[in-house]
N, C-alpha and C. Protein backbone atom coordinates (compact mmCIF):
# COMPACT_ATOMS: atom_id res chain seq x y z
N MET A 1 0.85 -1.45 -0.17
CA MET A 1 -0.04 0.12 -0.05
C MET A 1 1.06 1.20 -0.07
N PRO A 2 0.89 2.14 -0.79
CA PRO A 2 1.62 3.13 -0.95
C PRO A 2 0.99 4.18 0.45
N SER A 3 2.22 4.84 0.63
CA SER A 3 1.90 5.82 1.88
C SER A 3 1.53 7.25 1.07
N GLY A 4 2.14 8.39 2.12
CA GLY A 4 1.57 9.72 1.73
C GLY A 4 2.24 10.93 0.62
N CYS A 5 1.35 11.09 0.09
CA CYS A 5 2.02 11.96 -1.14
C CYS A 5 0.97 13.07 -1.53
N PHE A 6 1.35 13.91 -2.27
CA PHE A 6 -0.02 15.18 -2.75
C PHE A 6 0.37 14.63 -4.66
N SER A 7 -1.21 15.05 -4.96
CA SER A 7 -1.66 14.69 -6.13
C SER A 7 -0.53 16.02 -6.88
N GLY A 8 0.13 15.18 -8.20
CA GLY A 8 0.69 15.94 -9.10
C GLY A 8 0.24 17.48 -9.70
N GLU A 9 -1.07 17.58 -9.35
CA GLU A 9 -1.82 18.66 -9.74
C GLU A 9 -1.52 20.09 -8.58
N SER A 10 -1.04 19.55 -7.42
CA SER A 10 -0.86 20.49 -6.60
C SER A 10 0.19 21.55 -6.55
N TRP A 11 0.32 22.73 -6.02
CA TRP A 11 0.95 23.70 -6.61
C TRP A 11 1.69 24.08 -4.80
N VAL A 12 2.89 24.46 -4.89
CA VAL A 12 3.61 25.28 -3.52
C VAL A 12 3.97 26.58 -4.24
N THR A 13 4.25 27.04 -3.01
CA THR A 13 5.16 28.50 -2.99
C THR A 13 6.47 28.52 -2.74
N THR A 14 7.40 28.99 -3.57
CA THR A 14 8.66 28.95 -3.22
C THR A 14 9.05 30.58 -3.07
N GLN A 15 10.22 30.66 -2.18
CA GLN A 15 10.66 31.73 -1.94
C GLN A 15 11.40 32.61 -3.21
N LEU A 16 11.62 31.74 -4.12
CA LEU A 16 12.42 32.40 -5.22
C LEU A 16 11.31 32.54 -6.56
N ARG A 17 10.85 31.77 -6.94
CA ARG A 17 9.95 31.83 -7.95
C ARG A 17 8.21 31.86 -7.86
N GLY A 18 7.60 32.01 -6.56
CA GLY A 18 6.57 32.14 -6.19
C GLY A 18 6.03 30.62 -6.59
N SER A 19 4.47 30.75 -7.05
CA SER A 19 3.69 29.59 -6.86
C SER A 19 3.95 28.74 -8.22
N VAL A 20 4.52 27.46 -7.66
CA VAL A 20 4.89 26.66 -8.99
C VAL A 20 4.21 25.28 -8.87
N PRO A 21 3.93 24.29 -9.76
CA PRO A 21 3.73 22.93 -9.72
C PRO A 21 4.36 22.44 -8.85
N ILE A 22 3.89 21.08 -7.74
CA ILE A 22 4.51 20.68 -6.93
C ILE A 22 5.82 19.67 -7.45
N GLY A 23 5.57 19.36 -8.54
CA GLY A 23 6.44 18.57 -9.55
C GLY A 23 7.57 19.13 -9.92
N ASP A 24 7.52 20.57 -9.93
CA ASP A 24 8.94 21.46 -10.19
C ASP A 24 9.75 21.74 -9.26
N VAL A 25 9.61 21.51 -7.99
CA VAL A 25 10.57 21.71 -6.85
C VAL A 25 11.42 20.63 -6.65
N GLU A 26 12.59 20.88 -6.33
CA GLU A 26 13.81 20.21 -6.03
C GLU A 26 14.39 20.25 -4.80
N SER A 27 15.45 19.63 -4.50
CA SER A 27 15.91 19.54 -2.95
C SER A 27 16.66 20.95 -2.84
N GLY A 28 16.89 21.56 -2.11
CA GLY A 28 17.50 22.67 -1.69
C GLY A 28 16.56 23.99 -2.23
N ASP A 29 15.62 23.74 -2.71
CA ASP A 29 14.41 24.90 -2.93
C ASP A 29 14.05 25.19 -1.36
N GLU A 30 13.66 26.40 -1.34
CA GLU A 30 12.87 27.03 -0.14
C GLU A 30 11.45 27.23 -0.37
N VAL A 31 10.56 26.63 0.16
CA VAL A 31 9.22 26.34 0.14
C VAL A 31 8.48 27.07 1.32
N LEU A 32 7.20 27.62 1.20
CA LEU A 32 6.35 28.16 2.24
C LEU A 32 5.92 26.98 3.03
N SER A 33 6.50 27.27 4.21
CA SER A 33 6.15 25.89 5.35
C SER A 33 4.94 26.40 6.04
N HIS A 34 4.84 27.61 6.54
CA HIS A 34 3.51 27.73 7.58
C HIS A 34 4.21 29.51 7.99
N CYS A 35 2.55 30.20 8.45
CA CYS A 35 2.71 31.79 8.88
C CYS A 35 2.14 31.70 10.14
N THR A 36 2.78 32.57 10.67
CA THR A 36 2.31 33.30 12.08
C THR A 36 1.15 34.63 11.89
N ASP A 37 0.86 35.18 12.99
CA ASP A 37 0.25 36.43 12.82
C ASP A 37 1.19 37.49 12.21
N SER A 38 2.31 37.37 12.13
CA SER A 38 3.21 38.29 11.85
C SER A 38 4.19 37.75 10.51
N LYS A 39 4.59 36.72 10.23
CA LYS A 39 5.65 36.21 9.54
C LYS A 39 5.40 35.05 8.91
N CYS A 40 5.70 34.68 7.41
CA CYS A 40 5.71 33.46 6.75
C CYS A 40 6.93 33.17 6.97
N TYR A 41 7.09 31.60 7.19
CA TYR A 41 8.15 30.97 6.94
C TYR A 41 8.49 29.96 5.94
N TYR A 42 9.84 30.00 5.12
CA TYR A 42 10.18 29.15 4.58
C TYR A 42 11.10 28.30 4.74
N SER A 43 10.94 27.07 4.37
CA SER A 43 11.60 25.68 4.78
C SER A 43 12.26 25.08 3.67
N ARG A 44 13.56 24.83 3.62
CA ARG A 44 14.40 23.94 2.68
C ARG A 44 13.93 22.64 2.53
N ILE A 45 13.79 22.36 1.01
CA ILE A 45 13.29 20.87 0.90
C ILE A 45 14.75 19.87 1.06
N ILE A 46 14.67 18.94 1.53
CA ILE A 46 15.66 18.05 2.21
C ILE A 46 15.34 16.89 1.03
N HIS A 47 14.35 16.58 0.43
CA HIS A 47 14.10 15.54 -0.23
C HIS A 47 13.08 15.38 -1.19
N GLU A 48 13.11 15.21 -2.44
CA GLU A 48 11.85 15.37 -3.10
C GLU A 48 11.47 14.16 -3.87
N GLY A 49 10.51 13.59 -3.53
CA GLY A 49 10.31 12.18 -4.22
C GLY A 49 8.92 12.25 -5.18
N LYS A 50 9.06 11.34 -5.96
CA LYS A 50 7.78 11.36 -6.96
C LYS A 50 7.53 9.93 -7.31
N HIS A 51 6.25 9.69 -7.36
CA HIS A 51 5.77 8.25 -7.95
C HIS A 51 4.32 8.19 -8.65
N ALA A 52 4.52 7.20 -9.83
CA ALA A 52 3.59 7.12 -10.85
C ALA A 52 2.52 5.84 -10.10
N TRP A 53 1.55 6.20 -9.20
CA TRP A 53 0.77 5.30 -8.87
C TRP A 53 -0.26 4.63 -9.86
N PRO A 54 -0.17 3.35 -9.73
CA PRO A 54 -1.13 2.57 -10.77
C PRO A 54 -2.58 2.95 -10.99
N GLU A 55 -3.34 2.37 -11.80
CA GLU A 55 -4.79 2.79 -12.01
C GLU A 55 -5.73 2.99 -11.12
N ASP A 56 -5.32 1.77 -10.16
CA ASP A 56 -6.14 1.26 -9.28
C ASP A 56 -6.13 2.19 -7.79
N PHE A 57 -5.00 3.03 -7.74
CA PHE A 57 -4.75 4.01 -6.81
C PHE A 57 -5.98 4.67 -6.14
N ASN A 58 -6.04 4.53 -4.75
CA ASN A 58 -7.47 5.39 -4.54
C ASN A 58 -6.53 6.25 -3.41
N TYR A 59 -7.08 7.63 -3.77
CA TYR A 59 -6.85 8.99 -2.85
C TYR A 59 -8.01 9.78 -2.65
N ILE A 60 -7.92 10.92 -2.14
CA ILE A 60 -8.67 11.47 -1.52
C ILE A 60 -8.69 13.06 -1.93
N GLN A 61 -10.03 13.76 -2.17
CA GLN A 61 -9.75 15.10 -2.78
C GLN A 61 -10.67 15.50 -1.60
N ILE A 62 -10.06 16.72 -0.62
CA ILE A 62 -10.55 17.50 0.52
C ILE A 62 -11.06 18.98 0.24
N ARG A 63 -12.38 19.30 0.00
CA ARG A 63 -12.71 20.61 -0.49
C ARG A 63 -13.33 21.51 0.80
N LEU A 64 -12.49 22.67 0.52
CA LEU A 64 -12.74 23.63 1.80
C LEU A 64 -13.67 24.79 1.69
N GLU A 65 -14.32 25.45 2.45
CA GLU A 65 -15.26 26.16 2.42
C GLU A 65 -14.62 27.40 1.63
N ASN A 66 -13.66 27.58 1.69
CA ASN A 66 -12.97 29.06 1.03
C ASN A 66 -12.67 28.62 -0.38
N GLY A 67 -12.97 27.62 -0.87
CA GLY A 67 -12.58 27.39 -2.40
C GLY A 67 -11.50 26.16 -2.53
N GLN A 68 -10.81 26.12 -1.65
CA GLN A 68 -9.24 25.55 -1.86
C GLN A 68 -9.67 24.15 -1.85
N LYS A 69 -8.49 23.20 -2.31
CA LYS A 69 -8.76 21.86 -2.31
C LYS A 69 -7.50 20.90 -2.08
N LEU A 70 -7.48 20.13 -1.71
CA LEU A 70 -6.31 18.95 -1.49
C LEU A 70 -6.48 17.72 -2.33
N GLU A 71 -5.81 17.24 -2.86
CA GLU A 71 -5.77 15.74 -3.18
C GLU A 71 -4.47 14.93 -2.74
N LEU A 72 -4.63 14.17 -2.21
CA LEU A 72 -3.52 13.30 -1.61
C LEU A 72 -3.92 11.66 -0.95
N SER A 73 -2.97 11.22 -0.77
CA SER A 73 -3.05 9.63 -0.14
C SER A 73 -3.81 9.56 1.27
N HIS A 74 -4.46 8.88 1.55
CA HIS A 74 -5.30 8.20 2.27
C HIS A 74 -4.54 8.53 3.87
N THR A 75 -3.17 8.04 3.75
CA THR A 75 -2.40 8.16 5.07
C THR A 75 -1.49 9.18 5.13
N HIS A 76 -1.79 10.23 4.61
CA HIS A 76 -1.06 11.50 4.62
C HIS A 76 -1.37 12.36 5.96
N PHE A 77 -0.57 12.71 6.81
CA PHE A 77 -1.02 13.54 7.92
C PHE A 77 -1.54 15.12 7.44
N LEU A 78 -2.64 15.40 8.31
CA LEU A 78 -3.22 16.73 8.09
C LEU A 78 -3.54 17.20 9.49
N MET A 79 -3.27 18.55 9.55
CA MET A 79 -3.67 19.16 10.92
C MET A 79 -5.04 19.92 11.07
N VAL A 80 -5.54 19.30 11.96
CA VAL A 80 -7.15 19.16 12.05
C VAL A 80 -7.69 20.07 13.22
N PHE A 81 -8.46 21.32 13.34
CA PHE A 81 -9.24 21.87 14.41
C PHE A 81 -10.66 21.29 14.52
N GLU A 82 -11.08 21.45 15.33
CA GLU A 82 -12.52 21.06 16.21
C GLU A 82 -13.25 22.45 15.38
N ASP A 83 -12.79 23.35 15.68
CA ASP A 83 -13.42 24.69 15.30
C ASP A 83 -12.89 25.88 14.57
N ALA A 84 -13.58 26.85 14.19
CA ALA A 84 -12.65 27.83 13.61
C ALA A 84 -11.78 28.69 14.93
N PHE A 85 -12.18 28.57 15.98
CA PHE A 85 -11.54 29.41 17.08
C PHE A 85 -10.58 28.59 18.10
N SER A 86 -10.76 26.98 18.01
CA SER A 86 -9.96 25.82 19.14
C SER A 86 -8.54 26.46 18.88
N ASP A 87 -7.66 26.37 19.61
CA ASP A 87 -6.25 26.00 19.86
C ASP A 87 -5.95 24.73 19.84
N VAL A 88 -6.63 23.74 20.02
CA VAL A 88 -6.31 22.25 19.89
C VAL A 88 -6.17 21.74 18.43
N VAL A 89 -4.88 21.31 18.55
CA VAL A 89 -4.75 20.64 17.19
C VAL A 89 -4.33 19.31 16.94
N LYS A 90 -5.05 18.35 16.17
CA LYS A 90 -4.52 16.91 16.46
C LYS A 90 -4.22 16.69 14.63
N TYR A 91 -3.37 15.88 14.49
CA TYR A 91 -2.74 15.30 13.15
C TYR A 91 -3.60 14.19 13.04
N VAL A 92 -4.06 14.03 11.98
CA VAL A 92 -4.76 12.88 11.66
C VAL A 92 -4.57 12.47 10.07
N TRP A 93 -4.63 11.27 9.67
CA TRP A 93 -4.48 10.67 8.01
C TRP A 93 -5.48 11.37 7.57
N ALA A 94 -5.30 11.78 6.14
CA ALA A 94 -6.24 12.32 5.33
C ALA A 94 -7.94 11.65 5.54
N ARG A 95 -7.76 10.34 5.04
CA ARG A 95 -8.86 9.48 5.56
C ARG A 95 -9.91 9.61 6.37
N ASP A 96 -9.21 9.89 7.84
CA ASP A 96 -9.97 10.16 8.89
C ASP A 96 -10.19 11.81 9.25
N VAL A 97 -10.23 12.42 8.25
CA VAL A 97 -10.42 13.97 8.12
C VAL A 97 -12.07 14.26 7.94
N HIS A 98 -12.66 14.76 8.81
CA HIS A 98 -14.17 14.81 8.95
C HIS A 98 -14.84 16.07 8.20
N LEU A 99 -16.12 15.70 7.78
CA LEU A 99 -17.02 17.39 7.46
C LEU A 99 -16.85 18.03 8.39
N PHE A 100 -16.87 19.53 8.34
CA PHE A 100 -17.25 20.44 9.01
C PHE A 100 -16.04 20.75 10.22
N LYS A 101 -14.89 19.77 10.19
CA LYS A 101 -13.65 20.06 10.72
C LYS A 101 -12.77 21.34 10.19
N TYR A 102 -11.72 21.89 10.65
CA TYR A 102 -11.40 22.70 10.19
C TYR A 102 -9.53 22.33 9.66
N LEU A 103 -9.10 22.95 8.82
CA LEU A 103 -7.74 22.98 8.24
C LEU A 103 -7.17 24.31 8.07
N PRO A 104 -6.10 24.30 8.62
CA PRO A 104 -5.09 25.69 8.64
C PRO A 104 -4.76 25.86 7.26
N ILE A 105 -5.04 27.15 7.00
CA ILE A 105 -4.82 27.81 5.29
C ILE A 105 -3.94 29.22 5.34
N ILE A 106 -3.18 29.41 4.61
CA ILE A 106 -2.73 30.86 4.61
C ILE A 106 -3.70 31.65 3.79
N LYS A 107 -3.67 33.14 4.41
CA LYS A 107 -4.58 33.97 3.92
C LYS A 107 -4.08 35.22 3.86
N ASN A 108 -3.62 35.93 2.97
CA ASN A 108 -2.93 37.12 3.31
C ASN A 108 -1.90 37.45 3.83
N ASN A 109 -1.02 36.18 4.08
CA ASN A 109 0.10 36.00 4.47
C ASN A 109 0.25 35.99 5.71
N ARG A 110 -1.06 35.15 6.59
CA ARG A 110 -1.48 34.99 7.77
C ARG A 110 -2.22 33.60 7.83
N THR A 111 -1.98 32.81 8.94
CA THR A 111 -2.81 31.65 9.18
C THR A 111 -3.99 31.59 9.45
N SER A 112 -4.95 31.45 8.67
CA SER A 112 -6.61 31.24 8.95
C SER A 112 -6.75 29.81 9.07
N ARG A 113 -8.11 29.64 9.29
CA ARG A 113 -9.06 28.07 9.21
C ARG A 113 -10.14 28.13 8.11
N SER A 114 -10.03 26.89 7.41
CA SER A 114 -11.27 26.94 6.69
C SER A 114 -11.99 25.18 6.84
N LYS A 115 -13.28 25.76 6.77
CA LYS A 115 -14.21 24.57 7.17
C LYS A 115 -14.19 22.98 5.81
N VAL A 116 -14.02 22.31 6.23
CA VAL A 116 -13.95 21.00 5.27
C VAL A 116 -15.72 20.92 4.87
N VAL A 117 -15.88 20.81 3.54
CA VAL A 117 -17.24 21.00 3.14
C VAL A 117 -17.47 19.64 2.48
N GLN A 118 -16.29 19.12 1.84
CA GLN A 118 -16.37 17.87 1.02
C GLN A 118 -15.70 16.95 0.85
N LEU A 119 -15.72 15.84 1.05
CA LEU A 119 -14.67 14.65 0.84
C LEU A 119 -14.92 13.98 -0.21
N ILE A 120 -13.98 13.51 -1.31
CA ILE A 120 -14.45 13.03 -2.52
C ILE A 120 -13.35 11.96 -2.48
N GLN A 121 -13.73 10.42 -2.72
CA GLN A 121 -12.91 9.58 -2.97
C GLN A 121 -12.55 9.26 -4.38
N LYS A 122 -11.38 9.07 -4.69
CA LYS A 122 -11.20 9.21 -5.95
C LYS A 122 -10.08 7.89 -6.34
N ARG A 123 -10.38 7.56 -7.48
CA ARG A 123 -9.56 6.30 -7.92
C ARG A 123 -8.94 6.90 -9.61
N GLY A 124 -7.49 6.23 -9.54
CA GLY A 124 -6.98 6.34 -10.66
C GLY A 124 -5.16 6.38 -10.96
N SER A 125 -4.70 7.08 -12.05
CA SER A 125 -3.52 7.06 -11.97
C SER A 125 -2.85 8.12 -12.58
N GLN A 126 -1.93 8.84 -11.57
CA GLN A 126 -1.31 9.80 -11.75
C GLN A 126 0.31 10.04 -10.77
N ALA A 127 0.65 11.03 -11.27
CA ALA A 127 1.88 11.18 -10.40
C ALA A 127 1.92 11.62 -8.97
N PHE A 128 2.38 11.33 -8.14
CA PHE A 128 1.97 12.20 -6.62
C PHE A 128 3.52 12.22 -6.15
N HIS A 129 3.88 13.44 -5.19
CA HIS A 129 4.58 13.66 -4.75
C HIS A 129 5.17 14.06 -3.21
N ASN A 130 6.06 13.57 -2.80
CA ASN A 130 6.30 13.89 -1.49
C ASN A 130 7.75 14.85 -0.93
N PRO A 131 7.72 16.02 -1.14
CA PRO A 131 8.52 16.86 -0.82
C PRO A 131 9.07 17.19 0.59
N ILE A 132 10.12 16.56 1.13
CA ILE A 132 10.55 16.81 2.58
C ILE A 132 11.21 18.07 2.77
N THR A 133 10.40 18.49 4.12
CA THR A 133 10.83 20.01 4.45
C THR A 133 12.01 19.81 5.83
N GLU A 134 12.92 20.58 6.11
CA GLU A 134 13.32 20.48 6.89
C GLU A 134 12.41 20.92 8.29
N SER A 135 11.53 21.71 7.72
CA SER A 135 10.29 21.90 9.18
C SER A 135 9.73 20.96 9.49
N GLY A 136 9.37 19.94 8.78
CA GLY A 136 8.23 19.16 9.09
C GLY A 136 6.49 19.50 8.42
N LEU A 137 6.80 20.81 7.79
CA LEU A 137 5.73 21.25 7.25
C LEU A 137 5.46 21.84 5.90
N ILE A 138 4.44 21.84 5.14
CA ILE A 138 4.43 22.46 3.78
C ILE A 138 3.29 23.13 3.57
N THR A 139 3.05 24.10 2.94
CA THR A 139 1.78 24.77 2.49
C THR A 139 1.21 24.28 0.83
N VAL A 140 0.43 23.63 0.79
CA VAL A 140 0.29 23.13 -0.75
C VAL A 140 -1.28 23.25 -0.84
N ASN A 141 -1.18 23.95 -2.09
CA ASN A 141 -2.69 24.47 -2.31
C ASN A 141 -3.15 25.55 -1.50
N GLY A 142 -2.32 26.27 -0.70
CA GLY A 142 -2.97 27.23 0.46
C GLY A 142 -3.07 26.86 1.54
N VAL A 143 -3.12 25.08 2.06
CA VAL A 143 -3.29 24.48 3.06
C VAL A 143 -2.01 24.12 3.86
N VAL A 144 -1.92 24.40 5.00
CA VAL A 144 -0.69 24.19 5.67
C VAL A 144 -0.67 22.12 5.94
N ALA A 145 0.00 21.78 5.81
CA ALA A 145 0.03 20.23 5.89
C ALA A 145 1.39 19.55 6.55
N SER A 146 1.48 18.47 7.07
CA SER A 146 2.35 17.78 7.47
C SER A 146 3.18 17.48 6.14
N VAL A 147 4.43 16.95 6.32
CA VAL A 147 5.18 16.29 5.10
C VAL A 147 5.30 14.84 5.15
N TYR A 148 4.78 14.55 6.41
CA TYR A 148 4.79 12.78 6.58
C TYR A 148 3.51 12.35 6.61
N ALA A 149 3.72 10.93 6.39
CA ALA A 149 2.58 10.08 6.07
C ALA A 149 2.79 8.87 7.34
N VAL A 150 1.75 7.90 7.32
CA VAL A 150 1.92 6.66 8.11
C VAL A 150 2.26 6.90 9.27
N ALA A 151 2.27 5.86 10.13
CA ALA A 151 3.23 5.42 11.57
C ALA A 151 2.62 4.26 11.92
N PRO A 152 3.65 3.68 12.78
CA PRO A 152 3.15 2.62 13.53
C PRO A 152 2.04 2.67 14.24
N GLY A 153 0.96 1.64 14.18
CA GLY A 153 -0.24 1.74 14.90
C GLY A 153 -0.30 2.36 15.92
N PHE A 154 0.71 1.98 16.85
CA PHE A 154 0.85 2.09 18.19
C PHE A 154 1.00 3.89 18.56
N ILE A 155 1.75 4.18 17.41
CA ILE A 155 1.91 5.57 17.32
C ILE A 155 0.62 6.48 17.18
N TYR A 156 0.06 6.20 16.21
CA TYR A 156 -1.21 6.70 15.58
C TYR A 156 -2.55 7.06 16.36
N LYS A 157 -2.62 5.57 17.05
CA LYS A 157 -3.78 5.45 18.14
C LYS A 157 -3.27 6.26 19.50
N SER A 158 -2.17 6.76 19.58
CA SER A 158 -1.81 7.28 21.17
C SER A 158 -2.20 8.61 21.12
N ASN A 159 -2.40 8.89 22.60
CA ASN A 159 -2.90 10.47 22.89
C ASN A 159 -1.87 11.12 23.15
N GLU A 160 -0.60 10.59 23.59
CA GLU A 160 0.41 11.31 23.86
C GLU A 160 1.25 11.98 23.03
N ILE A 161 1.65 10.99 21.82
CA ILE A 161 2.29 11.79 20.59
C ILE A 161 1.43 11.45 19.60
N SER A 162 1.89 12.45 18.71
CA SER A 162 1.18 12.22 17.26
C SER A 162 2.13 11.90 16.43
N GLY A 163 1.46 11.42 15.05
CA GLY A 163 2.19 10.58 14.44
C GLY A 163 3.43 11.60 13.43
N HIS A 164 2.92 12.68 13.24
CA HIS A 164 3.76 13.73 12.62
C HIS A 164 4.97 13.90 13.74
N GLU A 165 4.80 14.14 15.02
CA GLU A 165 5.51 14.35 16.03
C GLU A 165 6.67 13.57 15.89
N PHE A 166 6.13 12.00 15.87
CA PHE A 166 6.99 10.64 15.64
C PHE A 166 8.14 10.93 14.62
N ALA A 167 7.35 11.04 13.56
CA ALA A 167 8.11 11.25 12.21
C ALA A 167 9.14 12.32 11.95
N HIS A 168 8.75 13.36 12.52
CA HIS A 168 9.78 14.45 12.71
C HIS A 168 10.92 14.25 13.54
N PHE A 169 10.76 13.67 14.60
CA PHE A 169 11.88 13.59 15.60
C PHE A 169 12.94 12.48 15.05
N LEU A 170 12.33 11.46 14.21
CA LEU A 170 12.76 10.42 13.71
C LEU A 170 14.11 11.19 12.56
N TYR A 171 13.40 11.95 11.69
CA TYR A 171 13.72 12.28 10.40
C TYR A 171 14.94 13.40 10.80
N SER A 172 14.68 14.00 12.26
CA SER A 172 15.74 15.41 12.96
C SER A 172 17.07 14.64 13.33
N ILE A 173 17.07 13.26 13.57
CA ILE A 173 18.18 12.51 14.33
C ILE A 173 19.48 12.89 13.38
N GLU A 174 19.42 13.26 12.16
CA GLU A 174 20.76 13.52 11.46
C GLU A 174 21.44 14.97 11.99
N GLY A 175 20.86 15.95 12.62
CA GLY A 175 21.30 16.56 13.45
C GLY A 175 21.97 16.62 14.86
N MET A 176 21.90 15.62 15.42
CA MET A 176 22.35 15.34 16.73
C MET A 176 23.70 15.32 16.73
N ASP A 177 24.30 15.28 18.15
CA ASP A 177 25.72 15.30 18.47
C ASP A 177 26.16 13.95 18.30
N PRO A 178 27.85 13.76 17.83
CA PRO A 178 28.21 12.66 17.65
C PRO A 178 27.96 11.38 18.75
N ILE A 179 27.91 11.95 19.92
CA ILE A 179 27.82 10.84 20.76
C ILE A 179 26.58 10.24 21.00
N THR A 180 25.46 10.91 20.86
CA THR A 180 24.14 10.66 20.38
C THR A 180 23.84 9.83 19.21
N TYR A 181 24.58 10.14 18.12
CA TYR A 181 24.53 9.46 16.85
C TYR A 181 25.25 8.19 17.21
N PHE A 182 26.15 7.99 17.96
CA PHE A 182 26.87 6.68 18.12
C PHE A 182 26.21 5.85 18.71
N LEU A 183 25.45 6.06 19.92
CA LEU A 183 24.58 5.22 20.68
C LEU A 183 23.36 5.08 19.75
N THR A 184 22.94 5.97 19.15
CA THR A 184 21.52 5.45 18.61
C THR A 184 21.93 4.45 17.54
N ARG A 185 23.22 4.76 16.97
CA ARG A 185 23.75 3.70 15.59
C ARG A 185 23.74 2.42 16.32
N ARG A 186 24.34 2.51 17.30
CA ARG A 186 24.86 1.18 18.25
C ARG A 186 23.48 0.56 18.55
N PHE A 187 22.33 1.09 18.71
CA PHE A 187 21.36 0.57 19.28
C PHE A 187 20.17 0.60 18.50
N GLU A 188 20.29 0.63 17.01
CA GLU A 188 19.60 0.81 15.92
C GLU A 188 19.00 -0.48 15.89
N PRO A 189 19.57 -1.86 15.86
CA PRO A 189 18.45 -2.78 15.63
C PRO A 189 17.65 -2.95 16.86
N VAL A 190 17.79 -2.51 18.03
CA VAL A 190 16.97 -2.76 19.29
C VAL A 190 15.93 -1.73 18.83
N LEU A 191 15.76 -0.63 18.10
CA LEU A 191 14.66 0.60 17.88
C LEU A 191 13.83 -0.25 16.61
N TYR A 192 14.59 -1.09 15.83
CA TYR A 192 13.59 -1.56 15.00
C TYR A 192 13.08 -2.75 15.12
N GLN A 193 13.46 -3.45 16.40
CA GLN A 193 12.92 -4.64 16.90
C GLN A 193 11.70 -4.08 17.81
N MET A 194 11.60 -2.65 18.21
CA MET A 194 10.60 -2.23 19.03
C MET A 194 9.46 -2.01 18.22
N LEU A 195 9.93 -1.35 16.94
CA LEU A 195 9.05 -0.80 15.82
C LEU A 195 8.44 -1.77 14.91
N GLY A 196 9.04 -2.80 15.24
CA GLY A 196 8.62 -4.00 14.35
C GLY A 196 9.14 -3.74 12.71
N VAL A 197 10.15 -3.28 12.57
CA VAL A 197 10.62 -2.85 11.73
C VAL A 197 11.78 -4.16 10.81
N GLN A 198 11.45 -4.27 9.26
CA GLN A 198 12.24 -5.26 9.10
C GLN A 198 13.24 -4.66 8.12
N ARG A 199 14.50 -4.76 8.11
CA ARG A 199 15.55 -4.45 7.16
C ARG A 199 15.62 -5.08 5.91
N GLY A 200 15.22 -3.88 4.83
CA GLY A 200 15.54 -4.49 3.61
C GLY A 200 16.52 -4.12 2.76
N ASN A 201 16.81 -4.39 1.45
CA ASN A 201 17.63 -3.93 0.91
C ASN A 201 17.73 -2.36 0.50
N SER A 202 16.78 -1.59 0.72
CA SER A 202 16.55 0.02 0.31
C SER A 202 15.74 0.69 0.94
N THR A 203 14.71 -0.31 1.76
CA THR A 203 13.46 -0.23 2.33
C THR A 203 13.10 -0.41 3.39
N TYR A 204 12.85 0.29 4.92
CA TYR A 204 12.75 -0.23 6.17
C TYR A 204 11.22 -0.27 5.97
N ARG A 205 10.26 -1.50 6.38
CA ARG A 205 9.19 -1.67 6.32
C ARG A 205 8.27 -2.41 7.72
N ILE A 206 7.16 -1.25 7.80
CA ILE A 206 6.44 -1.11 9.26
C ILE A 206 4.88 -1.65 8.43
N PRO A 207 4.24 -2.31 8.71
CA PRO A 207 2.90 -2.85 7.87
C PRO A 207 2.37 -1.68 7.91
N GLY A 208 1.92 -1.21 6.32
CA GLY A 208 1.45 0.13 6.09
C GLY A 208 2.06 1.19 5.92
N MET A 209 3.81 0.82 5.78
CA MET A 209 4.52 1.96 5.81
C MET A 209 5.81 1.48 5.22
N TYR A 210 6.12 2.59 4.36
CA TYR A 210 7.17 2.42 3.38
C TYR A 210 8.09 3.76 3.35
N TRP A 211 9.38 3.37 3.92
CA TRP A 211 10.38 4.03 4.05
C TRP A 211 11.81 4.13 3.58
N LEU A 212 12.07 5.03 2.74
CA LEU A 212 13.16 4.90 1.73
C LEU A 212 14.46 5.07 3.15
N SER A 213 15.46 4.50 2.47
CA SER A 213 16.76 4.59 3.21
C SER A 213 17.44 5.79 2.89
N LEU A 214 17.92 6.78 4.03
CA LEU A 214 19.06 7.85 3.48
C LEU A 214 20.45 7.47 3.75
N GLU A 215 21.40 8.09 3.26
CA GLU A 215 22.38 8.12 3.95
C GLU A 215 22.70 9.32 4.68
N LEU A 216 21.71 9.30 5.57
CA LEU A 216 21.68 10.21 6.82
C LEU A 216 21.44 9.86 8.08
N ALA A 217 22.75 10.03 9.05
CA ALA A 217 22.13 9.49 10.50
C ALA A 217 22.08 8.10 10.54
N MET A 218 20.69 7.79 10.94
CA MET A 218 20.10 6.28 10.85
C MET A 218 19.67 5.58 9.71
N ASP A 219 20.04 6.58 8.65
CA ASP A 219 19.54 5.86 7.22
C ASP A 219 17.75 5.56 7.80
N PHE A 220 17.26 6.40 8.25
CA PHE A 220 16.11 5.74 8.66
C PHE A 220 14.86 7.07 8.54
N PHE A 221 13.63 6.54 8.39
CA PHE A 221 12.35 7.49 7.98
C PHE A 221 12.36 8.31 6.99
N LYS A 222 12.16 7.94 5.88
CA LYS A 222 11.82 8.58 4.77
C LYS A 222 10.37 8.33 3.83
N PRO A 223 9.47 8.69 4.39
CA PRO A 223 8.44 8.63 3.56
C PRO A 223 8.46 8.41 2.23
N THR A 224 7.59 7.76 1.33
CA THR A 224 7.33 7.78 -0.03
C THR A 224 6.04 7.64 -0.43
């Protein structure tokens, strides 16, 4: 089962070229990550993956009240708010987003929210992309989203840590100090065993999860 990606019809905002198709960005590009009330932040792409899924690939289109829409795979993480004013955010798979919940959007260089008004299940073959940013966030079609997808079941069902946070933690390991890096590599097999990961030639697998190995730190956690 493929994991998380955005439709090739999506667009992102780059710092130097403005809005471009998501398939046109490359590693090293700075893309819009998110905005606060006073500033927008751009984040460097550290990996850009492209996949041509077969004709029977299922994905979802999420339409918002403001007219924006996202097309992405079912197990991609999105930030969801209960209402337009709640400060409580939860990361859920795209397939678990419900009508009348709210997604964060960028409007006039500020973060706002828009209500989910339609969920359309789609099926077909097209290119999907999963650019990974240093911040772990990316704004796609004006909607702020996680760059990550899927997670071990016990993480996804946990109320203590979100799958997005878990993924970003693992992905950030490349920046740790040499001693921590050594210890992590030393106990890497134990971590794999705890997570139920089976090491393959180029991919680490957890049921429902496909991670490309990197020449970074643990060579670990690259969603495709």
